[in-house]
Amino acid sequence: MILTVNIGNTNITLGAFENDSILFSARLASVKAATADEYAVRIGGVLSLHHIAPEQVEGAILGSVVPSLTSPVKAALEMLYSVRVRIVGPGMRSGLPLRIDNPSELGAELLCGAVAALQIHKPPLVLIHMDTACSMMAVNAAGQLVGGVISAGPHLALNTLVRHTSQLSHVDVDAPVGSVLATTTASSLHTGAVLGTAVMIDGLMARFRAELGQDTAAIATGQFPKSILNACTCGITYRENLILDGLYMIWCKNKKK
């Protein structure tokens, strides 16, 4: 059994793979002040809930975009399991050529997501990863990652707007929207967050397709509210465990190293 761990700014996602199939996935809140011991308790508790004993874990791979959490989570995994913990980064084979100015700047979750996206759709394609940020990274027809855009995710944008205004309150972005003609302050804020994000994604996909070709697919993952997904008109394929799938694929490519 191979354990995959993705550390994001909002969540840490865990998955276990056996015989090339995912057995489970789970999410923990990313807590920057937590120690390795605390992460060991939390991670061990999740695997215990899924009836996985430590001796069943044969390997582990970790991807992170939060450097301050990489070491404590790695240490936690090493406390729990007597295996080598691989970290996605320079020197690891991914099978995905990176045609960007500084490949070391590419977040592990985007690399892993793109690797997995290529297994479910031929290029060109755009990986859309929704978390604290909304990242859209393009893979051209030759199967090369060639760049993309990063903007604020809907929850971050909404929280920032509410925090810096006097008469706006938090709303549930996950709730569906109706007409753009919202009739209350709360519904106006909700509609703006949902439709505003959807229109941004649709508009950016139109620009990606203008450069990469009209057959460019949109593959999404992460904390993507269903309300926004349903409001988009560009045709998006959503895969919840895409990054975990990519982590496992990269582990397989490097297991003999």
C-alpha atoms as a PDB file:
ATOM      1  CA  MET A   1       0.000   0.000   0.000  1.00  0.00           C
ATOM      2  CA  ILE A   2       1.303   3.457  -0.958  1.00  0.00           C
ATOM      3  CA  LEU A   3       0.360   6.531   1.055  1.00  0.00           C
ATOM      4  CA  THR A   4       0.018   9.829  -0.839  1.00  0.00           C
ATOM      5  CA  VAL A   5      -0.041  13.180   0.964  1.00  0.00           C
ATOM      6  CA  ASN A   6      -0.669  16.600  -0.552  1.00  0.00           C
ATOM      7  CA  ILE A   7      -0.068  19.657   1.641  1.00  0.00           C
ATOM      8  CA  GLY A   8      -2.036  22.719   0.552  1.00  0.00           C
ATOM      9  CA  ASN A   9      -2.577  26.091   2.178  1.00  0.00           C
ATOM     10  CA  THR A  10      -6.066  25.137   3.360  1.00  0.00           C
ATOM     11  CA  ASN A  11      -6.074  21.333   3.538  1.00  0.00           C
ATOM     12  CA  ILE A  12      -3.793  18.331   3.736  1.00  0.00           C
ATOM     13  CA  THR A  13      -5.187  15.560   1.560  1.00  0.00           C
ATOM     14  CA  LEU A  14      -4.378  11.912   2.218  1.00  0.00           C
ATOM     15  CA  GLY A  15      -4.900   8.883   0.013  1.00  0.00           C
ATOM     16  CA  ALA A  16      -3.928   5.220   0.051  1.00  0.00           C
ATOM     17  CA  PHE A  17      -3.331   3.211  -3.126  1.00  0.00           C
ATOM     18  CA  GLU A  18      -3.164  -0.520  -3.601  1.00  0.00           C
ATOM     19  CA  ASN A  19      -2.973  -2.392  -6.923  1.00  0.00           C
ATOM     20  CA  ASP A  20      -3.192   0.972  -8.749  1.00  0.00           C
ATOM     21  CA  SER A  21      -6.562   1.803  -7.153  1.00  0.00           C
ATOM     22  CA  ILE A  22      -7.308   4.364  -4.460  1.00  0.00           C
ATOM     23  CA  LEU A  23      -8.698   2.857  -1.262  1.00  0.00           C
ATOM     24  CA  PHE A  24      -9.725   6.083   0.439  1.00  0.00           C
ATOM     25  CA  SER A  25      -9.080   9.813   0.549  1.00  0.00           C
ATOM     26  CA  ALA A  26      -9.378  12.197   3.484  1.00  0.00           C
ATOM     27  CA  ARG A  27      -8.750  15.834   4.319  1.00  0.00           C
ATOM     28  CA  LEU A  28      -7.170  17.462   7.346  1.00  0.00           C
ATOM     29  CA  ALA A  29      -6.966  21.185   8.009  1.00  0.00           C
ATOM     30  CA  SER A  30      -3.520  22.660   7.382  1.00  0.00           C
ATOM     31  CA  VAL A  31      -2.380  23.923  10.796  1.00  0.00           C
ATOM     32  CA  LYS A  32       0.920  25.783  10.521  1.00  0.00           C
ATOM     33  CA  ALA A  33       1.569  25.700  14.274  1.00  0.00           C
ATOM     34  CA  ALA A  34       1.096  21.922  14.614  1.00  0.00           C
ATOM     35  CA  THR A  35       4.112  19.812  15.525  1.00  0.00           C
ATOM     36  CA  ALA A  36       5.289  16.553  13.979  1.00  0.00           C
ATOM     37  CA  ASP A  37       3.841  14.689  16.972  1.00  0.00           C
ATOM     38  CA  GLU A  38       0.453  16.329  16.461  1.00  0.00           C
ATOM     39  CA  TYR A  39       0.457  15.482  12.759  1.00  0.00           C
ATOM     40  CA  ALA A  40       1.424  11.895  13.583  1.00  0.00           C
ATOM     41  CA  VAL A  41      -1.622  11.619  15.839  1.00  0.00           C
ATOM     42  CA  ARG A  42      -3.919  13.104  13.195  1.00  0.00           C
ATOM     43  CA  ILE A  43      -2.586  11.093  10.241  1.00  0.00           C
ATOM     44  CA  GLY A  44      -2.410   7.879  12.263  1.00  0.00           C
ATOM     45  CA  GLY A  45      -5.987   8.443  13.403  1.00  0.00           C
ATOM     46  CA  VAL A  46      -7.229   8.780   9.818  1.00  0.00           C
ATOM     47  CA  LEU A  47      -5.572   5.538   8.729  1.00  0.00           C
ATOM     48  CA  SER A  48      -6.875   3.794  11.827  1.00  0.00           C
ATOM     49  CA  LEU A  49     -10.413   4.880  10.918  1.00  0.00           C
ATOM     50  CA  HIS A  50      -9.909   3.130   7.581  1.00  0.00           C
ATOM     51  CA  HIS A  51      -8.547   0.003   9.306  1.00  0.00           C
ATOM     52  CA  ILE A  52      -5.046   0.360   7.869  1.00  0.00           C
ATOM     53  CA  ALA A  53      -2.236  -0.937  10.066  1.00  0.00           C
ATOM     54  CA  PRO A  54       1.253   0.661   9.939  1.00  0.00           C
ATOM     55  CA  GLU A  55       2.832  -2.510   8.550  1.00  0.00           C
ATOM     56  CA  GLN A  56       0.556  -2.327   5.492  1.00  0.00           C
ATOM     57  CA  VAL A  57       2.216   0.910   4.306  1.00  0.00           C
ATOM     58  CA  GLU A  58       5.019   0.065   1.857  1.00  0.00           C
ATOM     59  CA  GLY A  59       5.891   3.575   0.725  1.00  0.00           C
ATOM     60  CA  ALA A  60       4.864   7.219   0.948  1.00  0.00           C
ATOM     61  CA  ILE A  61       5.093  10.266  -1.279  1.00  0.00           C
ATOM     62  CA  LEU A  62       4.570  13.862  -0.217  1.00  0.00           C
ATOM     63  CA  GLY A  63       3.781  16.959  -2.266  1.00  0.00           C
ATOM     64  CA  SER A  64       3.708  20.373  -0.620  1.00  0.00           C
ATOM     65  CA  VAL A  65       3.172  24.044  -1.415  1.00  0.00           C
ATOM     66  CA  VAL A  66       3.617  25.035   2.251  1.00  0.00           C
ATOM     67  CA  PRO A  67       7.349  24.772   3.046  1.00  0.00           C
ATOM     68  CA  SER A  68       6.827  25.286   6.792  1.00  0.00           C
ATOM     69  CA  LEU A  69       4.657  22.148   6.938  1.00  0.00           C
ATOM     70  CA  THR A  70       6.807  19.878   4.774  1.00  0.00           C
ATOM     71  CA  SER A  71       9.268  18.898   7.510  1.00  0.00           C
ATOM     72  CA  PRO A  72       6.770  18.229  10.333  1.00  0.00           C
ATOM     73  CA  VAL A  73       4.476  16.180   8.100  1.00  0.00           C
ATOM     74  CA  LYS A  74       7.418  14.206   6.708  1.00  0.00           C
ATOM     75  CA  ALA A  75       8.655  13.589  10.243  1.00  0.00           C
ATOM     76  CA  ALA A  76       5.171  12.471  11.277  1.00  0.00           C
ATOM     77  CA  LEU A  77       5.060   9.941   8.445  1.00  0.00           C
ATOM     78  CA  GLU A  78       8.488   8.631   9.420  1.00  0.00           C
ATOM     79  CA  MET A  79       7.324   8.214  13.027  1.00  0.00           C
ATOM     80  CA  LEU A  80       4.343   6.170  11.913  1.00  0.00           C
ATOM     81  CA  TYR A  81       5.772   4.052   9.099  1.00  0.00           C
ATOM     82  CA  SER A  82       9.160   2.418   8.522  1.00  0.00           C
ATOM     83  CA  VAL A  83       9.369   3.545   4.904  1.00  0.00           C
ATOM     84  CA  ARG A  84      11.206   6.122   2.863  1.00  0.00           C
ATOM     85  CA  VAL A  85       9.107   9.246   2.353  1.00  0.00           C
ATOM     86  CA  ARG A  86       9.667  10.723  -1.107  1.00  0.00           C
ATOM     87  CA  ILE A  87       9.080  14.443  -1.643  1.00  0.00           C
ATOM     88  CA  VAL A  88       7.999  15.763  -5.029  1.00  0.00           C
ATOM     89  CA  GLY A  89      10.631  18.188  -6.259  1.00  0.00           C
ATOM     90  CA  PRO A  90      13.723  18.601  -8.432  1.00  0.00           C
ATOM     91  CA  GLY A  91      15.292  15.292  -9.404  1.00  0.00           C
ATOM     92  CA  MET A  92      12.071  13.308  -9.423  1.00  0.00           C
ATOM     93  CA  ARG A  93      10.799  11.926 -12.716  1.00  0.00           C
ATOM     94  CA  SER A  94       7.280  13.027 -13.634  1.00  0.00           C
ATOM     95  CA  GLY A  95       7.193  12.297 -17.365  1.00  0.00           C
ATOM     96  CA  LEU A  96       5.871  15.826 -17.958  1.00  0.00           C
ATOM     97  CA  PRO A  97       8.210  18.269 -19.755  1.00  0.00           C
ATOM     98  CA  LEU A  98       8.106  21.724 -18.130  1.00  0.00           C
ATOM     99  CA  ARG A  99       8.455  24.606 -20.580  1.00  0.00           C
ATOM    100  CA  ILE A 100       8.320  27.448 -18.069  1.00  0.00           C
ATOM    101  CA  ASP A 101      11.034  29.905 -17.026  1.00  0.00           C
ATOM    102  CA  ASN A 102      11.670  28.434 -13.565  1.00  0.00           C
ATOM    103  CA  PRO A 103      10.361  24.866 -13.161  1.00  0.00           C
ATOM    104  CA  SER A 104      11.276  24.871  -9.456  1.00  0.00           C
ATOM    105  CA  GLU A 105       8.546  27.475  -8.885  1.00  0.00           C
ATOM    106  CA  LEU A 106       5.781  25.128 -10.046  1.00  0.00           C
ATOM    107  CA  GLY A 107       3.730  23.898  -7.112  1.00  0.00           C
ATOM    108  CA  ALA A 108       3.752  20.149  -6.501  1.00  0.00           C
ATOM    109  CA  GLU A 109      -0.047  20.003  -6.639  1.00  0.00           C
ATOM    110  CA  LEU A 110      -0.085  21.545 -10.122  1.00  0.00           C
ATOM    111  CA  LEU A 111       2.597  19.164 -11.370  1.00  0.00           C
ATOM    112  CA  CYS A 112       0.799  16.135  -9.922  1.00  0.00           C
ATOM    113  CA  GLY A 113      -2.584  17.325 -11.175  1.00  0.00           C
ATOM    114  CA  ALA A 114      -1.269  17.824 -14.703  1.00  0.00           C
ATOM    115  CA  VAL A 115       0.393  14.387 -14.715  1.00  0.00           C
ATOM    116  CA  ALA A 116      -2.900  12.758 -13.720  1.00  0.00           C
ATOM    117  CA  ALA A 117      -4.980  14.906 -16.080  1.00  0.00           C
ATOM    118  CA  LEU A 118      -2.966  13.576 -19.019  1.00  0.00           C
ATOM    119  CA  GLN A 119      -4.119  10.068 -18.090  1.00  0.00           C
ATOM    120  CA  ILE A 120      -7.788  10.937 -18.521  1.00  0.00           C
ATOM    121  CA  HIS A 121      -7.643  13.295 -21.521  1.00  0.00           C
ATOM    122  CA  LYS A 122      -5.226  13.806 -24.381  1.00  0.00           C
ATOM    123  CA  PRO A 123      -3.608  17.248 -24.664  1.00  0.00           C
ATOM    124  CA  PRO A 124      -4.032  20.119 -25.084  1.00  0.00           C
ATOM    125  CA  LEU A 125      -5.681  20.650 -21.737  1.00  0.00           C
ATOM    126  CA  VAL A 126      -5.890  23.102 -18.862  1.00  0.00           C
ATOM    127  CA  LEU A 127      -5.672  21.943 -15.266  1.00  0.00           C
ATOM    128  CA  ILE A 128      -7.856  24.042 -12.959  1.00  0.00           C
ATOM    129  CA  HIS A 129      -6.957  23.686  -9.290  1.00  0.00           C
ATOM    130  CA  MET A 130      -9.269  25.428  -6.825  1.00  0.00           C
ATOM    131  CA  ASP A 131      -8.078  26.008  -3.271  1.00  0.00           C
ATOM    132  CA  THR A 132      -6.969  29.191  -1.510  1.00  0.00           C
ATOM    133  CA  ALA A 133      -5.923  30.253  -5.011  1.00  0.00           C
ATOM    134  CA  CYS A 134      -7.489  29.375  -8.337  1.00  0.00           C
ATOM    135  CA  SER A 135      -4.672  28.125 -10.573  1.00  0.00           C
ATOM    136  CA  MET A 136      -5.055  27.289 -14.265  1.00  0.00           C
ATOM    137  CA  MET A 137      -2.057  25.599 -15.923  1.00  0.00           C
ATOM    138  CA  ALA A 138      -1.882  24.644 -19.595  1.00  0.00           C
ATOM    139  CA  VAL A 139      -0.440  21.557 -21.262  1.00  0.00           C
ATOM    140  CA  ASN A 140       0.004  22.032 -25.012  1.00  0.00           C
ATOM    141  CA  ALA A 141      -0.710  19.528 -27.790  1.00  0.00           C
ATOM    142  CA  ALA A 142       2.858  18.199 -27.466  1.00  0.00           C
ATOM    143  CA  GLY A 143       2.214  17.269 -23.832  1.00  0.00           C
ATOM    144  CA  GLN A 144       4.381  20.055 -22.381  1.00  0.00           C
ATOM    145  CA  LEU A 145       3.345  22.246 -19.458  1.00  0.00           C
ATOM    146  CA  VAL A 146       3.712  25.745 -20.874  1.00  0.00           C
ATOM    147  CA  GLY A 147       2.327  28.131 -18.235  1.00  0.00           C
ATOM    148  CA  GLY A 148      -0.876  29.572 -16.917  1.00  0.00           C
ATOM    149  CA  VAL A 149      -2.511  31.968 -14.488  1.00  0.00           C
ATOM    150  CA  ILE A 150      -3.091  32.218 -10.728  1.00  0.00           C
ATOM    151  CA  SER A 151      -5.823  34.288  -9.097  1.00  0.00           C
ATOM    152  CA  ALA A 152      -7.564  34.429  -5.711  1.00  0.00           C
ATOM    153  CA  GLY A 153      -9.936  31.558  -5.017  1.00  0.00           C
ATOM    154  CA  PRO A 154     -13.603  32.410  -4.336  1.00  0.00           C
ATOM    155  CA  HIS A 155     -13.434  31.815  -0.584  1.00  0.00           C
ATOM    156  CA  LEU A 156     -10.307  33.955  -0.181  1.00  0.00           C
ATOM    157  CA  ALA A 157     -11.754  36.752  -2.333  1.00  0.00           C
ATOM    158  CA  LEU A 158     -15.056  36.687  -0.468  1.00  0.00           C
ATOM    159  CA  ASN A 159     -13.437  36.609   2.981  1.00  0.00           C
ATOM    160  CA  THR A 160     -11.203  39.543   2.045  1.00  0.00           C
ATOM    161  CA  LEU A 161     -14.179  41.560   0.760  1.00  0.00           C
ATOM    162  CA  VAL A 162     -16.235  40.902   3.891  1.00  0.00           C
ATOM    163  CA  ARG A 163     -13.307  41.699   6.194  1.00  0.00           C
ATOM    164  CA  HIS A 164     -12.702  45.088   4.570  1.00  0.00           C
ATOM    165  CA  THR A 165     -16.317  46.294   4.350  1.00  0.00           C
ATOM    166  CA  SER A 166     -18.752  47.318   7.070  1.00  0.00           C
ATOM    167  CA  GLN A 167     -22.121  46.026   5.900  1.00  0.00           C
ATOM    168  CA  LEU A 168     -21.339  42.710   4.219  1.00  0.00           C
ATOM    169  CA  SER A 169     -21.570  39.367   5.957  1.00  0.00           C
ATOM    170  CA  HIS A 170     -20.320  35.890   5.084  1.00  0.00           C
ATOM    171  CA  VAL A 171     -22.391  33.822   2.649  1.00  0.00           C
ATOM    172  CA  ASP A 172     -22.284  30.189   1.575  1.00  0.00           C
ATOM    173  CA  VAL A 173     -20.486  30.015  -1.767  1.00  0.00           C
ATOM    174  CA  ASP A 174     -21.510  26.374  -2.161  1.00  0.00           C
ATOM    175  CA  ALA A 175     -25.217  27.232  -2.428  1.00  0.00           C
ATOM    176  CA  PRO A 176     -26.638  27.418  -5.981  1.00  0.00           C
ATOM    177  CA  VAL A 177     -27.443  30.782  -7.547  1.00  0.00           C
ATOM    178  CA  GLY A 178     -30.477  31.937  -9.465  1.00  0.00           C
ATOM    179  CA  SER A 179     -30.835  35.136 -11.431  1.00  0.00           C
ATOM    180  CA  VAL A 180     -28.047  37.664 -11.753  1.00  0.00           C
ATOM    181  CA  LEU A 181     -30.695  40.157 -10.607  1.00  0.00           C
ATOM    182  CA  ALA A 182     -30.129  39.461  -6.906  1.00  0.00           C
ATOM    183  CA  THR A 183     -32.507  41.413  -4.663  1.00  0.00           C
ATOM    184  CA  THR A 184     -30.763  41.434  -1.258  1.00  0.00           C
ATOM    185  CA  THR A 185     -27.286  42.370  -0.125  1.00  0.00           C
ATOM    186  CA  ALA A 186     -26.502  38.780   0.881  1.00  0.00           C
ATOM    187  CA  SER A 187     -27.780  37.304  -2.382  1.00  0.00           C
ATOM    188  CA  SER A 188     -25.930  39.975  -4.381  1.00  0.00           C
ATOM    189  CA  LEU A 189     -22.695  39.066  -2.616  1.00  0.00           C
ATOM    190  CA  HIS A 190     -23.310  35.347  -3.114  1.00  0.00           C
ATOM    191  CA  THR A 191     -24.240  35.736  -6.785  1.00  0.00           C
ATOM    192  CA  GLY A 192     -21.222  37.956  -7.411  1.00  0.00           C
ATOM    193  CA  ALA A 193     -18.855  35.416  -5.863  1.00  0.00           C
ATOM    194  CA  VAL A 194     -20.289  32.432  -7.734  1.00  0.00           C
ATOM    195  CA  LEU A 195     -21.023  33.956 -11.131  1.00  0.00           C
ATOM    196  CA  GLY A 196     -17.977  36.228 -10.988  1.00  0.00           C
ATOM    197  CA  THR A 197     -15.679  33.234 -10.514  1.00  0.00           C
ATOM    198  CA  ALA A 198     -17.497  31.202 -13.176  1.00  0.00           C
ATOM    199  CA  VAL A 199     -17.277  34.027 -15.721  1.00  0.00           C
ATOM    200  CA  MET A 200     -13.570  34.475 -14.938  1.00  0.00           C
ATOM    201  CA  ILE A 201     -12.910  30.775 -15.545  1.00  0.00           C
ATOM    202  CA  ASP A 202     -14.990  30.753 -18.736  1.00  0.00           C
ATOM    203  CA  GLY A 203     -13.204  33.855 -20.008  1.00  0.00           C
ATOM    204  CA  LEU A 204      -9.761  32.482 -19.244  1.00  0.00           C
ATOM    205  CA  MET A 205     -10.615  29.154 -20.877  1.00  0.00           C
ATOM    206  CA  ALA A 206     -11.621  31.061 -24.015  1.00  0.00           C
ATOM    207  CA  ARG A 207      -8.184  32.705 -24.048  1.00  0.00           C
ATOM    208  CA  PHE A 208      -6.404  29.399 -23.416  1.00  0.00           C
ATOM    209  CA  ARG A 209      -8.313  27.865 -26.322  1.00  0.00           C
ATOM    210  CA  ALA A 210      -7.435  30.802 -28.563  1.00  0.00           C
ATOM    211  CA  GLU A 211      -3.744  29.999 -27.995  1.00  0.00           C
ATOM    212  CA  LEU A 212      -3.783  26.214 -27.637  1.00  0.00           C
ATOM    213  CA  GLY A 213      -6.684  25.200 -29.876  1.00  0.00           C
ATOM    214  CA  GLN A 214     -10.445  25.023 -29.536  1.00  0.00           C
ATOM    215  CA  ASP A 215     -10.281  21.350 -28.526  1.00  0.00           C
ATOM    216  CA  THR A 216      -8.430  22.215 -25.294  1.00  0.00           C
ATOM    217  CA  ALA A 217     -10.058  20.337 -22.404  1.00  0.00           C
ATOM    218  CA  ALA A 218     -10.680  21.773 -18.925  1.00  0.00           C
ATOM    219  CA  ILE A 219      -9.864  19.320 -16.097  1.00  0.00           C
ATOM    220  CA  ALA A 220     -10.570  20.521 -12.561  1.00  0.00           C
ATOM    221  CA  THR A 221      -9.784  19.392  -9.036  1.00  0.00           C
ATOM    222  CA  GLY A 222      -9.513  20.782  -5.504  1.00  0.00           C
ATOM    223  CA  GLN A 223     -12.123  22.548  -3.401  1.00  0.00           C
ATOM    224  CA  PHE A 224     -14.283  23.498  -6.356  1.00  0.00           C
ATOM    225  CA  PRO A 225     -17.765  24.596  -5.174  1.00  0.00           C
ATOM    226  CA  LYS A 226     -20.474  22.783  -7.117  1.00  0.00           C
ATOM    227  CA  SER A 227     -22.324  26.073  -7.530  1.00  0.00           C
ATOM    228  CA  ILE A 228     -19.395  27.523  -9.505  1.00  0.00           C
ATOM    229  CA  LEU A 229     -18.810  24.307 -11.434  1.00  0.00           C
ATOM    230  CA  ASN A 230     -22.463  24.279 -12.522  1.00  0.00           C
ATOM    231  CA  ALA A 231     -22.341  27.977 -13.466  1.00  0.00           C
ATOM    232  CA  CYS A 232     -19.353  27.528 -15.798  1.00  0.00           C
ATOM    233  CA  THR A 233     -20.220  27.064 -19.476  1.00  0.00           C
ATOM    234  CA  CYS A 234     -16.774  26.064 -20.799  1.00  0.00           C
ATOM    235  CA  GLY A 235     -17.248  22.331 -20.187  1.00  0.00           C
ATOM    236  CA  ILE A 236     -15.254  21.163 -17.166  1.00  0.00           C
ATOM    237  CA  THR A 237     -14.419  17.605 -16.128  1.00  0.00           C
ATOM    238  CA  TYR A 238     -14.019  17.433 -12.337  1.00  0.00           C
ATOM    239  CA  ARG A 239     -11.923  14.785 -10.560  1.00  0.00           C
ATOM    240  CA  GLU A 240     -11.756  15.029  -6.762  1.00  0.00           C
ATOM    241  CA  ASN A 241      -8.661  12.847  -6.289  1.00  0.00           C
ATOM    242  CA  LEU A 242      -6.670  14.052  -9.293  1.00  0.00           C
ATOM    243  CA  ILE A 243      -3.662  15.274  -7.279  1.00  0.00           C
ATOM    244  CA  LEU A 244      -3.506  12.087  -5.223  1.00  0.00           C
ATOM    245  CA  ASP A 245      -3.631  10.115  -8.481  1.00  0.00           C
ATOM    246  CA  GLY A 246      -0.730  12.197  -9.793  1.00  0.00           C
ATOM    247  CA  LEU A 247       1.292  11.659  -6.630  1.00  0.00           C
ATOM    248  CA  TYR A 248       0.849   7.904  -6.973  1.00  0.00           C
ATOM    249  CA  MET A 249       1.835   8.006 -10.663  1.00  0.00           C
ATOM    250  CA  ILE A 250       5.002   9.938  -9.814  1.00  0.00           C
ATOM    251  CA  TRP A 251       5.811   7.475  -7.018  1.00  0.00           C
ATOM    252  CA  CYS A 252       5.519   4.627  -9.538  1.00  0.00           C
ATOM    253  CA  LYS A 253       7.899   6.411 -11.925  1.00  0.00           C
ATOM    254  CA  ASN A 254      10.497   6.803  -9.170  1.00  0.00           C
ATOM    255  CA  LYS A 255      10.098   3.702  -7.016  1.00  0.00           C
ATOM    256  CA  LYS A 256      13.310   2.081  -8.296  1.00  0.00           C
ATOM    257  CA  LYS A 257      15.474   5.144  -7.606  1.00  0.00           C
END
